[in-house]
Amino acid sequence: MGAKKVSKRGIGDLRRRLRDLPRTVAAQVARGVAPAVTEFAGSDYDSGQTVYGSPRPLSADGAPVTLHRTGALRRDVYFKAFGPIIRCVIGPKYAKYMIGRFEFLPIGTASMPVKWRKRLEQEVRTVVPQELGAP
């Protein structure tokens, strides 16, 4: 299976672009995008690969890692809109380590998967003309 396409722009670029929009428009975009990004994160988590399409690292005994021991990681890591900001809510204390180790979410300044970026841009195109009074 081929590697997933990745956007050249990272999450920091998205934050800057949202900040440039009027605050109410950015908040509406964030509300629309948060559930979609959560869905993408869940499907990438379930795929058994990193968000970038490469295989996950193997466990210490060489077996594939499923990350499904209790279900808390899948259930309690999600995205939520806080005004114009989209934040990742991380439930379990060990989740940050798991995200860094198994990359089932894009990390900081790393590139964003193209399907994530396309969904975000689609939401912006839908919301912005409505807010600016375009037909």
C-alpha atoms as a PDB file:
ATOM      1  CA  MET A   1       0.000   0.000   0.000  1.00  0.00           C
ATOM      2  CA  GLY A   2       1.405   3.392  -0.998  1.00  0.00           C
ATOM      3  CA  ALA A   3       2.144   6.212   1.372  1.00  0.00           C
ATOM      4  CA  LYS A   4      -0.584   8.771   1.948  1.00  0.00           C
ATOM      5  CA  LYS A   5      -0.265  12.187   0.367  1.00  0.00           C
ATOM      6  CA  VAL A   6       0.943  14.881   2.728  1.00  0.00           C
ATOM      7  CA  SER A   7       0.472  18.634   2.492  1.00  0.00           C
ATOM      8  CA  LYS A   8       3.589  20.800   2.590  1.00  0.00           C
ATOM      9  CA  ARG A   9       1.923  23.028   5.167  1.00  0.00           C
ATOM     10  CA  GLY A  10       1.709  21.954   8.788  1.00  0.00           C
ATOM     11  CA  ILE A  11      -0.715  22.515  11.623  1.00  0.00           C
ATOM     12  CA  GLY A  12       1.016  25.774  12.589  1.00  0.00           C
ATOM     13  CA  ASP A  13       0.209  27.157   9.139  1.00  0.00           C
ATOM     14  CA  LEU A  14      -3.446  26.259   9.659  1.00  0.00           C
ATOM     15  CA  ARG A  15      -3.454  28.092  13.006  1.00  0.00           C
ATOM     16  CA  ARG A  16      -2.016  31.219  11.371  1.00  0.00           C
ATOM     17  CA  ARG A  17      -4.567  31.098   8.553  1.00  0.00           C
ATOM     18  CA  LEU A  18      -7.468  30.752  11.009  1.00  0.00           C
ATOM     19  CA  ARG A  19      -6.137  33.713  12.997  1.00  0.00           C
ATOM     20  CA  ASP A  20      -6.274  35.848   9.838  1.00  0.00           C
ATOM     21  CA  LEU A  21     -10.034  35.278   9.449  1.00  0.00           C
ATOM     22  CA  PRO A  22     -12.571  37.364  11.379  1.00  0.00           C
ATOM     23  CA  ARG A  23     -13.013  35.746  14.811  1.00  0.00           C
ATOM     24  CA  THR A  24     -16.658  34.720  14.305  1.00  0.00           C
ATOM     25  CA  VAL A  25     -15.890  33.181  10.912  1.00  0.00           C
ATOM     26  CA  ALA A  26     -12.913  31.276  12.311  1.00  0.00           C
ATOM     27  CA  ALA A  27     -15.098  29.992  15.179  1.00  0.00           C
ATOM     28  CA  GLN A  28     -17.718  28.746  12.731  1.00  0.00           C
ATOM     29  CA  VAL A  29     -15.030  27.042  10.637  1.00  0.00           C
ATOM     30  CA  ALA A  30     -13.587  25.415  13.767  1.00  0.00           C
ATOM     31  CA  ARG A  31     -17.027  24.103  14.818  1.00  0.00           C
ATOM     32  CA  GLY A  32     -17.536  22.568  11.392  1.00  0.00           C
ATOM     33  CA  VAL A  33     -14.083  21.061  11.102  1.00  0.00           C
ATOM     34  CA  ALA A  34     -13.591  19.564  14.590  1.00  0.00           C
ATOM     35  CA  PRO A  35     -15.931  16.556  14.056  1.00  0.00           C
ATOM     36  CA  ALA A  36     -14.412  15.807  10.641  1.00  0.00           C
ATOM     37  CA  VAL A  37     -10.871  15.912  11.999  1.00  0.00           C
ATOM     38  CA  THR A  38     -11.923  13.637  14.864  1.00  0.00           C
ATOM     39  CA  GLU A  39     -13.336  11.208  12.304  1.00  0.00           C
ATOM     40  CA  PHE A  40     -10.102  11.292  10.275  1.00  0.00           C
ATOM     41  CA  ALA A  41      -8.062  10.725  13.430  1.00  0.00           C
ATOM     42  CA  GLY A  42     -10.239   7.731  14.319  1.00  0.00           C
ATOM     43  CA  SER A  43      -9.949   6.139  10.896  1.00  0.00           C
ATOM     44  CA  ASP A  44      -6.184   6.679  10.851  1.00  0.00           C
ATOM     45  CA  TYR A  45      -5.971   5.214  14.357  1.00  0.00           C
ATOM     46  CA  ASP A  46      -7.944   2.136  13.270  1.00  0.00           C
ATOM     47  CA  SER A  47      -5.899   1.648  10.091  1.00  0.00           C
ATOM     48  CA  GLY A  48      -2.874   0.204  11.884  1.00  0.00           C
ATOM     49  CA  GLN A  49      -0.619   2.747  10.168  1.00  0.00           C
ATOM     50  CA  THR A  50       0.691   6.165  11.038  1.00  0.00           C
ATOM     51  CA  VAL A  51      -1.304   9.181   9.868  1.00  0.00           C
ATOM     52  CA  TYR A  52       1.323   9.479   7.104  1.00  0.00           C
ATOM     53  CA  GLY A  53       0.687   5.965   5.755  1.00  0.00           C
ATOM     54  CA  SER A  54       3.781   4.165   6.998  1.00  0.00           C
ATOM     55  CA  PRO A  55       3.527   1.027   9.148  1.00  0.00           C
ATOM     56  CA  ARG A  56       3.436   1.508  12.911  1.00  0.00           C
ATOM     57  CA  PRO A  57       6.529   0.495  14.832  1.00  0.00           C
ATOM     58  CA  LEU A  58       6.414  -3.049  16.201  1.00  0.00           C
ATOM     59  CA  SER A  59       6.130  -3.837  19.902  1.00  0.00           C
ATOM     60  CA  ALA A  60       9.150  -4.861  22.000  1.00  0.00           C
ATOM     61  CA  ASP A  61       8.479  -8.538  21.187  1.00  0.00           C
ATOM     62  CA  GLY A  62       8.187  -7.807  17.439  1.00  0.00           C
ATOM     63  CA  ALA A  63       4.402  -8.123  17.176  1.00  0.00           C
ATOM     64  CA  PRO A  64       2.210  -5.555  15.443  1.00  0.00           C
ATOM     65  CA  VAL A  65       0.736  -2.964  17.816  1.00  0.00           C
ATOM     66  CA  THR A  66      -3.055  -2.542  17.833  1.00  0.00           C
ATOM     67  CA  LEU A  67      -3.406   0.162  20.546  1.00  0.00           C
ATOM     68  CA  HIS A  68      -6.792  -1.349  21.533  1.00  0.00           C
ATOM     69  CA  ARG A  69      -6.029  -2.701  25.009  1.00  0.00           C
ATOM     70  CA  THR A  70      -8.665  -0.719  26.934  1.00  0.00           C
ATOM     71  CA  GLY A  71     -10.223   1.447  24.218  1.00  0.00           C
ATOM     72  CA  ALA A  72      -9.515   4.638  26.199  1.00  0.00           C
ATOM     73  CA  LEU A  73      -6.979   5.958  23.705  1.00  0.00           C
ATOM     74  CA  ARG A  74      -9.390   5.673  20.759  1.00  0.00           C
ATOM     75  CA  ARG A  75     -12.363   6.974  22.733  1.00  0.00           C
ATOM     76  CA  ASP A  76     -10.777   9.811  24.714  1.00  0.00           C
ATOM     77  CA  VAL A  77      -8.567  11.506  22.113  1.00  0.00           C
ATOM     78  CA  TYR A  78     -10.671  13.852  19.985  1.00  0.00           C
ATOM     79  CA  PHE A  79     -10.830  17.369  18.573  1.00  0.00           C
ATOM     80  CA  LYS A  80     -13.045  20.127  19.904  1.00  0.00           C
ATOM     81  CA  ALA A  81     -13.613  23.735  18.869  1.00  0.00           C
ATOM     82  CA  PHE A  82     -12.942  26.393  21.510  1.00  0.00           C
ATOM     83  CA  GLY A  83     -14.021  29.561  19.722  1.00  0.00           C
ATOM     84  CA  PRO A  84     -11.735  29.974  16.718  1.00  0.00           C
ATOM     85  CA  ILE A  85      -9.271  27.372  18.006  1.00  0.00           C
ATOM     86  CA  ILE A  86      -9.350  23.632  17.322  1.00  0.00           C
ATOM     87  CA  ARG A  87      -7.726  21.685  20.135  1.00  0.00           C
ATOM     88  CA  CYS A  88      -7.003  18.043  20.594  1.00  0.00           C
ATOM     89  CA  VAL A  89      -8.516  16.797  23.841  1.00  0.00           C
ATOM     90  CA  ILE A  90      -6.244  14.110  25.226  1.00  0.00           C
ATOM     91  CA  GLY A  91      -7.845  11.951  27.912  1.00  0.00           C
ATOM     92  CA  PRO A  92      -5.414   9.283  29.099  1.00  0.00           C
ATOM     93  CA  LYS A  93      -2.174  10.462  30.685  1.00  0.00           C
ATOM     94  CA  TYR A  94      -0.128   8.215  28.397  1.00  0.00           C
ATOM     95  CA  ALA A  95      -1.767   9.509  25.185  1.00  0.00           C
ATOM     96  CA  LYS A  96       0.943  12.100  24.399  1.00  0.00           C
ATOM     97  CA  TYR A  97       3.582   9.377  24.452  1.00  0.00           C
ATOM     98  CA  MET A  98       1.448   7.126  22.230  1.00  0.00           C
ATOM     99  CA  ILE A  99       0.765   9.927  19.728  1.00  0.00           C
ATOM    100  CA  GLY A 100       4.484  10.646  19.460  1.00  0.00           C
ATOM    101  CA  ARG A 101       5.449   6.982  19.275  1.00  0.00           C
ATOM    102  CA  PHE A 102       2.778   5.715  16.861  1.00  0.00           C
ATOM    103  CA  GLU A 103       1.848   8.942  15.006  1.00  0.00           C
ATOM    104  CA  PHE A 104      -1.888   8.353  14.719  1.00  0.00           C
ATOM    105  CA  LEU A 105      -2.260  12.168  14.769  1.00  0.00           C
ATOM    106  CA  PRO A 106      -0.197  14.791  12.913  1.00  0.00           C
ATOM    107  CA  ILE A 107       2.491  16.128  15.198  1.00  0.00           C
ATOM    108  CA  GLY A 108       3.202  19.837  15.827  1.00  0.00           C
ATOM    109  CA  THR A 109       5.160  21.284  12.923  1.00  0.00           C
ATOM    110  CA  ALA A 110       4.908  18.118  10.815  1.00  0.00           C
ATOM    111  CA  SER A 111       3.002  18.164   7.560  1.00  0.00           C
ATOM    112  CA  MET A 112      -0.735  17.610   7.579  1.00  0.00           C
ATOM    113  CA  PRO A 113      -2.241  14.728   5.574  1.00  0.00           C
ATOM    114  CA  VAL A 114      -3.816  16.001   2.351  1.00  0.00           C
ATOM    115  CA  LYS A 115      -7.297  14.622   3.158  1.00  0.00           C
ATOM    116  CA  TRP A 116      -7.274  16.599   6.416  1.00  0.00           C
ATOM    117  CA  ARG A 117      -6.208  19.803   4.632  1.00  0.00           C
ATOM    118  CA  LYS A 118      -8.806  19.345   1.839  1.00  0.00           C
ATOM    119  CA  ARG A 119     -11.603  18.934   4.404  1.00  0.00           C
ATOM    120  CA  LEU A 120     -10.468  22.052   6.249  1.00  0.00           C
ATOM    121  CA  GLU A 121     -10.288  24.083   3.051  1.00  0.00           C
ATOM    122  CA  GLN A 122     -13.720  22.807   1.984  1.00  0.00           C
ATOM    123  CA  GLU A 123     -15.188  23.991   5.282  1.00  0.00           C
ATOM    124  CA  VAL A 124     -13.563  27.410   4.901  1.00  0.00           C
ATOM    125  CA  ARG A 125     -14.951  27.757   1.350  1.00  0.00           C
ATOM    126  CA  THR A 126     -18.422  26.821   2.633  1.00  0.00           C
ATOM    127  CA  VAL A 127     -18.475  29.129   5.666  1.00  0.00           C
ATOM    128  CA  VAL A 128     -16.565  32.207   4.506  1.00  0.00           C
ATOM    129  CA  PRO A 129     -18.785  33.215   1.528  1.00  0.00           C
ATOM    130  CA  GLN A 130     -21.914  32.845   3.699  1.00  0.00           C
ATOM    131  CA  GLU A 131     -20.439  35.019   6.432  1.00  0.00           C
ATOM    132  CA  LEU A 132     -19.217  37.672   4.019  1.00  0.00           C
ATOM    133  CA  GLY A 133     -22.661  37.991   2.383  1.00  0.00           C
ATOM    134  CA  ALA A 134     -21.843  36.283  -0.941  1.00  0.00           C
ATOM    135  CA  PRO A 135     -24.723  34.444  -2.701  1.00  0.00           C
END
